[in-house]
Each structure stands twice: as structure tokens, then as C-alpha cells.
Amino acid sequence: MSVMKNQEINDLGSYIKQIDNQEIKILLLKLKNEINKDDIGWEQIKDILSVIYDKDDKVLNEIVPFLLI
């Protein structure tokens, strides 16, 4: 499970900075990089989200609002 420091989180980048679990942090950085690409591929994003869900489904629930903005 990820461990977060207590600070206000306004976006995915801020959320990533608060994650202590390095494995989850790497996955979130991969996700952020995919989202920032000009040609976003759903398959790559879906694969990353699936791995995040498998590792810690709570993290997936926490980042969904950032993905919808």
C-alpha cells in the first residue's frame, strides 16, 4: 500500500511527489508521461492503470479525479 505525506494535492504531479512507494511512483510517472504525449494510446494507459490497480487499488481510486480533469 502506498504511504502518503499529509499535504494538499491538486494534480497528478503533486500526488506523485507524495507517494513513498517507489514501485507505485514509477508506474505513476509512466502514466503521466503517456498522458502528456501528443498521440495518447489507450492501450498503454490501460496497461499501466491495470498494473497500478493490481499493486494498490486505493491508488487507482485516488488518481482517477486527476485523469478526468
PDB file of N, CA and C in Angstrom:
ATOM      1  N   MET A   1       0.845  -1.176   0.000  1.00  0.00           N
ATOM      2  CA  MET A   1       0.000   0.000   0.000  1.00  0.00           C
ATOM      3  C   MET A   1       0.891   1.240   0.000  1.00  0.00           C
ATOM      4  N   SER A   2       0.481   2.251  -0.685  1.00  0.00           N
ATOM      5  CA  SER A   2       1.263   3.480  -0.732  1.00  0.00           C
ATOM      6  C   SER A   2       1.106   4.250   0.571  1.00  0.00           C
ATOM      7  N   VAL A   3       2.142   4.978   0.903  1.00  0.00           N
ATOM      8  CA  VAL A   3       2.097   5.817   2.089  1.00  0.00           C
ATOM      9  C   VAL A   3       2.305   7.244   1.621  1.00  0.00           C
ATOM     10  N   MET A   4       1.359   8.111   1.969  1.00  0.00           N
ATOM     11  CA  MET A   4       1.432   9.494   1.528  1.00  0.00           C
ATOM     12  C   MET A   4       1.662  10.411   2.715  1.00  0.00           C
ATOM     13  N   LYS A   5       2.390  11.491   2.454  1.00  0.00           N
ATOM     14  CA  LYS A   5       2.575  12.527   3.459  1.00  0.00           C
ATOM     15  C   LYS A   5       1.321  13.391   3.469  1.00  0.00           C
ATOM     16  N   ASN A   6       1.051  14.050   4.564  1.00  0.00           N
ATOM     17  CA  ASN A   6      -0.147  14.881   4.675  1.00  0.00           C
ATOM     18  C   ASN A   6       0.106  16.269   4.101  1.00  0.00           C
ATOM     19  N   GLN A   7      -0.292  16.499   2.872  1.00  0.00           N
ATOM     20  CA  GLN A   7      -0.233  17.798   2.215  1.00  0.00           C
ATOM     21  C   GLN A   7      -1.375  17.861   1.222  1.00  0.00           C
ATOM     22  N   GLU A   8      -1.751  19.084   0.861  1.00  0.00           N
ATOM     23  CA  GLU A   8      -2.832  19.246  -0.116  1.00  0.00           C
ATOM     24  C   GLU A   8      -2.338  18.795  -1.494  1.00  0.00           C
ATOM     25  N   ILE A   9      -3.191  18.079  -2.193  1.00  0.00           N
ATOM     26  CA  ILE A   9      -2.840  17.546  -3.505  1.00  0.00           C
ATOM     27  C   ILE A   9      -3.805  18.117  -4.530  1.00  0.00           C
ATOM     28  N   ASN A  10      -3.260  18.789  -5.542  1.00  0.00           N
ATOM     29  CA  ASN A  10      -4.099  19.450  -6.529  1.00  0.00           C
ATOM     30  C   ASN A  10      -4.037  18.835  -7.918  1.00  0.00           C
ATOM     31  N   ASP A  11      -3.011  18.049  -8.198  1.00  0.00           N
ATOM     32  CA  ASP A  11      -2.870  17.461  -9.523  1.00  0.00           C
ATOM     33  C   ASP A  11      -2.062  16.167  -9.431  1.00  0.00           C
ATOM     34  N   LEU A  12      -1.953  15.483 -10.546  1.00  0.00           N
ATOM     35  CA  LEU A  12      -1.265  14.192 -10.562  1.00  0.00           C
ATOM     36  C   LEU A  12       0.198  14.348 -10.168  1.00  0.00           C
ATOM     37  N   GLY A  13       0.850  15.406 -10.640  1.00  0.00           N
ATOM     38  CA  GLY A  13       2.250  15.632 -10.293  1.00  0.00           C
ATOM     39  C   GLY A  13       2.448  15.788  -8.797  1.00  0.00           C
ATOM     40  N   SER A  14       1.569  16.546  -8.159  1.00  0.00           N
ATOM     41  CA  SER A  14       1.634  16.725  -6.703  1.00  0.00           C
ATOM     42  C   SER A  14       1.385  15.406  -5.989  1.00  0.00           C
ATOM     43  N   TYR A  15       0.442  14.635  -6.511  1.00  0.00           N
ATOM     44  CA  TYR A  15       0.137  13.327  -5.920  1.00  0.00           C
ATOM     45  C   TYR A  15       1.365  12.425  -5.980  1.00  0.00           C
ATOM     46  N   ILE A  16       2.013  12.393  -7.143  1.00  0.00           N
ATOM     47  CA  ILE A  16       3.188  11.532  -7.328  1.00  0.00           C
ATOM     48  C   ILE A  16       4.281  11.901  -6.333  1.00  0.00           C
ATOM     49  N   LYS A  17       4.490  13.181  -6.116  1.00  0.00           N
ATOM     50  CA  LYS A  17       5.533  13.628  -5.182  1.00  0.00           C
ATOM     51  C   LYS A  17       5.277  13.140  -3.763  1.00  0.00           C
ATOM     52  N   GLN A  18       4.035  12.875  -3.425  1.00  0.00           N
ATOM     53  CA  GLN A  18       3.675  12.460  -2.073  1.00  0.00           C
ATOM     54  C   GLN A  18       3.759  10.950  -1.865  1.00  0.00           C
ATOM     55  N   ILE A  19       3.945  10.197  -2.916  1.00  0.00           N
ATOM     56  CA  ILE A  19       3.978   8.739  -2.821  1.00  0.00           C
ATOM     57  C   ILE A  19       5.350   8.278  -2.332  1.00  0.00           C
ATOM     58  N   ASP A  20       5.361   7.426  -1.320  1.00  0.00           N
ATOM     59  CA  ASP A  20       6.608   6.882  -0.783  1.00  0.00           C
ATOM     60  C   ASP A  20       6.985   5.548  -1.427  1.00  0.00           C
ATOM     61  N   ASN A  21       5.998   4.802  -1.890  1.00  0.00           N
ATOM     62  CA  ASN A  21       6.239   3.506  -2.509  1.00  0.00           C
ATOM     63  C   ASN A  21       6.854   3.721  -3.893  1.00  0.00           C
ATOM     64  N   GLN A  22       8.119   3.342  -4.043  1.00  0.00           N
ATOM     65  CA  GLN A  22       8.840   3.618  -5.289  1.00  0.00           C
ATOM     66  C   GLN A  22       8.259   2.878  -6.497  1.00  0.00           C
ATOM     67  N   GLU A  23       7.766   1.697  -6.293  1.00  0.00           N
ATOM     68  CA  GLU A  23       7.176   0.925  -7.385  1.00  0.00           C
ATOM     69  C   GLU A  23       5.936   1.627  -7.941  1.00  0.00           C
ATOM     70  N   ILE A  24       5.079   2.096  -7.044  1.00  0.00           N
ATOM     71  CA  ILE A  24       3.882   2.836  -7.451  1.00  0.00           C
ATOM     72  C   ILE A  24       4.281   4.163  -8.085  1.00  0.00           C
ATOM     73  N   LYS A  25       5.265   4.823  -7.523  1.00  0.00           N
ATOM     74  CA  LYS A  25       5.718   6.114  -8.041  1.00  0.00           C
ATOM     75  C   LYS A  25       6.200   5.974  -9.489  1.00  0.00           C
ATOM     76  N   ILE A  26       6.958   4.924  -9.773  1.00  0.00           N
ATOM     77  CA  ILE A  26       7.443   4.689 -11.142  1.00  0.00           C
ATOM     78  C   ILE A  26       6.275   4.475 -12.098  1.00  0.00           C
ATOM     79  N   LEU A  27       5.292   3.689 -11.674  1.00  0.00           N
ATOM     80  CA  LEU A  27       4.122   3.449 -12.520  1.00  0.00           C
ATOM     81  C   LEU A  27       3.358   4.744 -12.783  1.00  0.00           C
ATOM     82  N   LEU A  28       3.214   5.562 -11.752  1.00  0.00           N
ATOM     83  CA  LEU A  28       2.507   6.839 -11.911  1.00  0.00           C
ATOM     84  C   LEU A  28       3.272   7.788 -12.830  1.00  0.00           C
ATOM     85  N   LEU A  29       4.592   7.773 -12.745  1.00  0.00           N
ATOM     86  CA  LEU A  29       5.390   8.609 -13.648  1.00  0.00           C
ATOM     87  C   LEU A  29       5.258   8.129 -15.091  1.00  0.00           C
ATOM     88  N   LYS A  30       5.217   6.816 -15.294  1.00  0.00           N
ATOM     89  CA  LYS A  30       4.978   6.268 -16.635  1.00  0.00           C
ATOM     90  C   LYS A  30       3.616   6.722 -17.158  1.00  0.00           C
ATOM     91  N   LEU A  31       2.616   6.650 -16.298  1.00  0.00           N
ATOM     92  CA  LEU A  31       1.270   7.071 -16.673  1.00  0.00           C
ATOM     93  C   LEU A  31       1.257   8.550 -17.044  1.00  0.00           C
ATOM     94  N   LYS A  32       1.877   9.361 -16.231  1.00  0.00           N
ATOM     95  CA  LYS A  32       1.930  10.799 -16.501  1.00  0.00           C
ATOM     96  C   LYS A  32       2.624  11.076 -17.830  1.00  0.00           C
ATOM     97  N   ASN A  33       3.703  10.374 -18.104  1.00  0.00           N
ATOM     98  CA  ASN A  33       4.411  10.548 -19.381  1.00  0.00           C
ATOM     99  C   ASN A  33       3.541  10.155 -20.563  1.00  0.00           C
ATOM    100  N   GLU A  34       2.800   9.065 -20.436  1.00  0.00           N
ATOM    101  CA  GLU A  34       1.912   8.635 -21.522  1.00  0.00           C
ATOM    102  C   GLU A  34       0.814   9.660 -21.767  1.00  0.00           C
ATOM    103  N   ILE A  35       0.259  10.193 -20.694  1.00  0.00           N
ATOM    104  CA  ILE A  35      -0.822  11.174 -20.817  1.00  0.00           C
ATOM    105  C   ILE A  35      -0.328  12.458 -21.480  1.00  0.00           C
ATOM    106  N   ASN A  36       0.923  12.817 -21.224  1.00  0.00           N
ATOM    107  CA  ASN A  36       1.470  14.057 -21.763  1.00  0.00           C
ATOM    108  C   ASN A  36       1.918  13.955 -23.218  1.00  0.00           C
ATOM    109  N   LYS A  37       1.916  12.759 -23.779  1.00  0.00           N
ATOM    110  CA  LYS A  37       2.299  12.588 -25.180  1.00  0.00           C
ATOM    111  C   LYS A  37       1.239  13.197 -26.094  1.00  0.00           C
ATOM    112  N   ASP A  38       1.676  13.659 -27.259  1.00  0.00           N
ATOM    113  CA  ASP A  38       0.742  14.224 -28.227  1.00  0.00           C
ATOM    114  C   ASP A  38      -0.215  13.159 -28.764  1.00  0.00           C
ATOM    115  N   ASP A  39       0.299  11.968 -28.999  1.00  0.00           N
ATOM    116  CA  ASP A  39      -0.505  10.880 -29.537  1.00  0.00           C
ATOM    117  C   ASP A  39      -0.739   9.850 -28.435  1.00  0.00           C
ATOM    118  N   ILE A  40      -1.764  10.089 -27.632  1.00  0.00           N
ATOM    119  CA  ILE A  40      -2.042   9.224 -26.489  1.00  0.00           C
ATOM    120  C   ILE A  40      -2.640   7.906 -26.970  1.00  0.00           C
ATOM    121  N   GLY A  41      -2.044   6.798 -26.520  1.00  0.00           N
ATOM    122  CA  GLY A  41      -2.557   5.481 -26.864  1.00  0.00           C
ATOM    123  C   GLY A  41      -3.284   4.845 -25.695  1.00  0.00           C
ATOM    124  N   TRP A  42      -4.540   4.537 -25.892  1.00  0.00           N
ATOM    125  CA  TRP A  42      -5.345   3.978 -24.809  1.00  0.00           C
ATOM    126  C   TRP A  42      -4.779   2.669 -24.285  1.00  0.00           C
ATOM    127  N   GLU A  43      -4.237   1.841 -25.154  1.00  0.00           N
ATOM    128  CA  GLU A  43      -3.723   0.534 -24.727  1.00  0.00           C
ATOM    129  C   GLU A  43      -2.618   0.682 -23.694  1.00  0.00           C
ATOM    130  N   GLN A  44      -1.686   1.595 -23.927  1.00  0.00           N
ATOM    131  CA  GLN A  44      -0.588   1.796 -22.981  1.00  0.00           C
ATOM    132  C   GLN A  44      -1.111   2.307 -21.644  1.00  0.00           C
ATOM    133  N   ILE A  45      -2.038   3.244 -21.698  1.00  0.00           N
ATOM    134  CA  ILE A  45      -2.607   3.798 -20.469  1.00  0.00           C
ATOM    135  C   ILE A  45      -3.387   2.729 -19.719  1.00  0.00           C
ATOM    136  N   LYS A  46      -4.169   1.954 -20.444  1.00  0.00           N
ATOM    137  CA  LYS A  46      -4.951   0.879 -19.827  1.00  0.00           C
ATOM    138  C   LYS A  46      -4.030  -0.135 -19.147  1.00  0.00           C
ATOM    139  N   ASP A  47      -2.933  -0.484 -19.800  1.00  0.00           N
ATOM    140  CA  ASP A  47      -1.990  -1.439 -19.222  1.00  0.00           C
ATOM    141  C   ASP A  47      -1.378  -0.910 -17.927  1.00  0.00           C
ATOM    142  N   ILE A  48      -0.985   0.357 -17.921  1.00  0.00           N
ATOM    143  CA  ILE A  48      -0.400   0.960 -16.724  1.00  0.00           C
ATOM    144  C   ILE A  48      -1.435   1.025 -15.607  1.00  0.00           C
ATOM    145  N   LEU A  49      -2.651   1.447 -15.935  1.00  0.00           N
ATOM    146  CA  LEU A  49      -3.714   1.517 -14.921  1.00  0.00           C
ATOM    147  C   LEU A  49      -4.010   0.139 -14.332  1.00  0.00           C
ATOM    148  N   SER A  50      -3.959  -0.875 -15.165  1.00  0.00           N
ATOM    149  CA  SER A  50      -4.207  -2.240 -14.711  1.00  0.00           C
ATOM    150  C   SER A  50      -3.136  -2.685 -13.714  1.00  0.00           C
ATOM    151  N   VAL A  51      -1.886  -2.371 -13.997  1.00  0.00           N
ATOM    152  CA  VAL A  51      -0.802  -2.739 -13.079  1.00  0.00           C
ATOM    153  C   VAL A  51      -0.930  -1.967 -11.771  1.00  0.00           C
ATOM    154  N   ILE A  52      -1.268  -0.678 -11.871  1.00  0.00           N
ATOM    155  CA  ILE A  52      -1.473   0.122 -10.658  1.00  0.00           C
ATOM    156  C   ILE A  52      -2.591  -0.492  -9.823  1.00  0.00           C
ATOM    157  N   TYR A  53      -3.679  -0.868 -10.471  1.00  0.00           N
ATOM    158  CA  TYR A  53      -4.799  -1.489  -9.759  1.00  0.00           C
ATOM    159  C   TYR A  53      -4.362  -2.778  -9.060  1.00  0.00           C
ATOM    160  N   ASP A  54      -3.572  -3.589  -9.750  1.00  0.00           N
ATOM    161  CA  ASP A  54      -3.107  -4.848  -9.170  1.00  0.00           C
ATOM    162  C   ASP A  54      -2.199  -4.613  -7.962  1.00  0.00           C
ATOM    163  N   LYS A  55      -1.384  -3.564  -8.030  1.00  0.00           N
ATOM    164  CA  LYS A  55      -0.446  -3.272  -6.938  1.00  0.00           C
ATOM    165  C   LYS A  55      -1.146  -2.627  -5.746  1.00  0.00           C
ATOM    166  N   ASP A  56      -2.044  -1.674  -6.035  1.00  0.00           N
ATOM    167  CA  ASP A  56      -2.718  -0.941  -4.953  1.00  0.00           C
ATOM    168  C   ASP A  56      -3.953  -0.253  -5.522  1.00  0.00           C
ATOM    169  N   ASP A  57      -5.094  -0.905  -5.380  1.00  0.00           N
ATOM    170  CA  ASP A  57      -6.324  -0.365  -5.969  1.00  0.00           C
ATOM    171  C   ASP A  57      -6.731   0.970  -5.346  1.00  0.00           C
ATOM    172  N   LYS A  58      -6.300   1.236  -4.123  1.00  0.00           N
ATOM    173  CA  LYS A  58      -6.600   2.517  -3.487  1.00  0.00           C
ATOM    174  C   LYS A  58      -5.971   3.669  -4.281  1.00  0.00           C
ATOM    175  N   VAL A  59      -4.761   3.466  -4.763  1.00  0.00           N
ATOM    176  CA  VAL A  59      -4.068   4.495  -5.551  1.00  0.00           C
ATOM    177  C   VAL A  59      -4.863   4.794  -6.818  1.00  0.00           C
ATOM    178  N   LEU A  60      -5.348   3.764  -7.469  1.00  0.00           N
ATOM    179  CA  LEU A  60      -6.132   3.983  -8.691  1.00  0.00           C
ATOM    180  C   LEU A  60      -7.357   4.837  -8.389  1.00  0.00           C
ATOM    181  N   ASN A  61      -8.044   4.536  -7.310  1.00  0.00           N
ATOM    182  CA  ASN A  61      -9.213   5.335  -6.921  1.00  0.00           C
ATOM    183  C   ASN A  61      -8.845   6.780  -6.626  1.00  0.00           C
ATOM    184  N   GLU A  62      -7.659   6.990  -6.066  1.00  0.00           N
ATOM    185  CA  GLU A  62      -7.232   8.345  -5.723  1.00  0.00           C
ATOM    186  C   GLU A  62      -6.817   9.161  -6.946  1.00  0.00           C
ATOM    187  N   ILE A  63      -6.309   8.511  -7.995  1.00  0.00           N
ATOM    188  CA  ILE A  63      -5.817   9.274  -9.161  1.00  0.00           C
ATOM    189  C   ILE A  63      -6.865   9.497 -10.224  1.00  0.00           C
ATOM    190  N   VAL A  64      -7.949   8.762 -10.197  1.00  0.00           N
ATOM    191  CA  VAL A  64      -8.994   8.921 -11.222  1.00  0.00           C
ATOM    192  C   VAL A  64      -9.446  10.370 -11.368  1.00  0.00           C
ATOM    193  N   PRO A  65      -9.688  11.110 -10.296  1.00  0.00           N
ATOM    194  CA  PRO A  65     -10.102  12.509 -10.494  1.00  0.00           C
ATOM    195  C   PRO A  65      -9.067  13.340 -11.260  1.00  0.00           C
ATOM    196  N   PHE A  66      -7.787  13.057 -11.058  1.00  0.00           N
ATOM    197  CA  PHE A  66      -6.745  13.783 -11.781  1.00  0.00           C
ATOM    198  C   PHE A  66      -6.765  13.466 -13.274  1.00  0.00           C
ATOM    199  N   LEU A  67      -7.155  12.256 -13.600  1.00  0.00           N
ATOM    200  CA  LEU A  67      -7.194  11.833 -15.002  1.00  0.00           C
ATOM    201  C   LEU A  67      -8.391  12.417 -15.744  1.00  0.00           C
ATOM    202  N   LEU A  68      -9.433  12.737 -15.009  1.00  0.00           N
ATOM    203  CA  LEU A  68     -10.655  13.243 -15.626  1.00  0.00           C
ATOM    204  C   LEU A  68     -10.641  14.754 -15.835  1.00  0.00           C
ATOM    205  N   ILE A  69      -9.696  15.422 -15.220  1.00  0.00           N
ATOM    206  CA  ILE A  69      -9.617  16.891 -15.318  1.00  0.00           C
ATOM    207  C   ILE A  69      -8.939  17.287 -16.606  1.00  0.00           C
TER     208      ILE A  69
END
